[in-house]
Protein backbone atom coordinates (compact mmCIF):
# COMPACT_ATOMS: atom_id res chain seq x y z
CA MET A 1 70.16 -18.42 137.77
CA ILE A 2 69.18 -17.05 141.16
CA ALA A 3 70.37 -18.65 144.41
CA ILE A 4 67.61 -18.87 147.00
CA PRO A 5 68.97 -18.52 150.56
CA LEU A 6 68.21 -21.45 152.86
CA GLN A 7 68.67 -22.07 156.55
CA SER A 8 70.31 -25.26 157.80
CA ILE A 9 67.21 -26.46 159.68
CA PRO A 10 64.99 -29.52 159.05
CA ALA A 11 61.87 -27.50 158.13
CA GLN A 12 61.41 -24.00 156.77
CA ALA A 13 58.87 -21.96 154.84
CA PHE A 14 59.36 -18.58 153.21
CA ASN A 15 58.03 -16.21 150.55
CA VAL A 16 60.12 -15.24 147.55
CA SER A 17 59.52 -13.50 144.22
CA LEU A 18 60.60 -15.68 141.28
CA GLY A 19 60.18 -14.54 137.70
CA GLY A 20 57.59 -11.96 138.72
CA GLN A 21 55.59 -14.56 140.65
CA SER A 22 54.84 -14.38 144.35
CA CYS A 23 55.96 -17.80 145.61
CA ARG A 24 55.74 -19.67 148.90
CA ILE A 25 58.29 -22.45 149.38
CA SER A 26 58.13 -25.01 152.18
CA LEU A 27 61.05 -27.41 152.58
CA TYR A 28 60.86 -30.21 155.10
CA GLN A 29 62.64 -33.41 155.94
CA LYS A 30 60.82 -36.73 156.32
CA GLY A 31 63.08 -39.64 157.16
CA ASP A 32 66.17 -39.45 154.95
CA PHE A 33 64.66 -37.21 152.27
CA PHE A 34 63.67 -33.58 151.73
CA PHE A 35 60.36 -32.55 150.23
CA MET A 36 58.97 -29.29 148.86
CA ASP A 37 55.60 -27.63 148.66
CA LEU A 38 55.46 -24.69 146.26
CA THR A 39 52.74 -22.17 145.45
CA ALA A 40 52.95 -19.42 142.84
CA ASN A 41 50.48 -16.54 143.04
CA ASN A 42 48.49 -18.51 145.66
CA VAL A 43 48.09 -21.56 143.41
CA THR A 44 49.64 -24.89 144.36
CA VAL A 45 52.36 -25.87 141.88
CA VAL A 46 53.78 -28.95 143.62
CA GLN A 47 53.08 -30.55 146.94
CA GLY A 48 55.17 -33.22 148.62
CA ARG A 49 57.72 -33.20 145.76
CA MET A 50 60.94 -35.03 146.68
CA VAL A 51 64.02 -32.82 146.35
CA LEU A 52 67.02 -34.63 144.90
CA ASN A 53 70.43 -33.42 143.74
CA SER A 54 70.36 -31.95 140.21
CA VAL A 55 66.74 -33.00 139.55
CA TRP A 56 64.28 -30.33 138.36
CA ILE A 57 61.58 -29.81 140.97
CA VAL A 58 58.64 -28.52 138.91
CA ARG A 59 59.52 -30.10 135.54
CA TYR A 60 56.36 -29.10 133.64
CA ALA A 61 55.30 -25.56 132.66
CA TYR A 62 51.61 -26.52 132.79
CA LEU A 63 51.92 -26.81 136.59
CA GLY A 64 52.01 -23.02 136.73
CA LEU A 65 55.55 -21.87 137.57
CA VAL A 66 57.39 -19.73 135.06
CA GLY A 67 60.86 -21.31 135.19
CA ASP A 68 61.98 -24.12 137.49
CA LEU A 69 63.85 -24.89 140.69
CA VAL A 70 66.75 -27.25 141.27
CA MET A 71 68.99 -28.12 144.20
CA PHE A 72 72.69 -28.79 143.64
CA ASP A 73 75.19 -30.51 145.88
CA THR A 74 78.12 -28.10 145.52
CA MET A 75 80.60 -30.41 147.28
CA GLY A 76 79.87 -33.78 145.74
CA ALA A 77 77.05 -35.84 144.33
CA ASN A 78 74.92 -36.86 147.29
CA ASP A 79 71.46 -37.60 145.88
CA SER A 80 69.56 -36.55 148.97
CA PRO A 81 70.31 -33.24 150.72
CA THR A 82 70.63 -33.13 154.49
CA TYR A 83 69.35 -30.20 156.53
CA ASP A 84 72.73 -29.44 158.07
CA GLY A 85 74.10 -28.64 154.59
CA LEU A 86 71.24 -26.46 153.35
CA GLY A 87 72.42 -23.04 152.27
CA ALA A 88 76.06 -24.15 152.14
CA ARG A 89 76.68 -27.53 150.54
CA TYR A 90 73.15 -27.79 149.13
CA GLN A 91 72.06 -24.73 147.16
CA LEU A 92 68.56 -24.10 145.79
CA TYR A 93 68.39 -22.22 142.47
CA TYR A 94 65.66 -20.68 140.34
CA LEU A 95 66.13 -20.71 136.56
CA THR A 96 64.13 -18.64 134.10
CA PRO A 97 62.59 -20.29 131.01
CA ASP A 98 65.45 -18.91 128.87
CA GLU A 99 68.07 -20.34 131.25
CA LEU A 100 66.27 -23.70 131.23
CA ALA A 101 66.21 -23.75 127.43
CA ALA A 102 69.93 -22.96 127.29
CA ARG A 103 70.74 -25.77 129.75
CA ILE A 104 68.65 -28.27 127.81
CA ALA A 105 70.21 -27.23 124.48
CA SER A 106 73.77 -27.67 125.77
């Protein structure tokens, strides 16, 4: 599991290598919720996906990401992250397919 550093701002976009894939992640707040756009190797994987505590973001391998992303509330169980807690209270993680399989099996 790899922690992806975030800034505590309402909108951010950055490039990161995940599982050998060149990814572009955009996180942005609309109203009370955060959303994500994700590309892997210049192909859109998800767009406008709501980011919720402990909910897999990609969910389906056929969308084109090897592995998956998830955000955890490390200080509670707030369903919807807030920008002022990004990178501290709310942590974004990348899991490889093997890590996903182990989590599902347990």
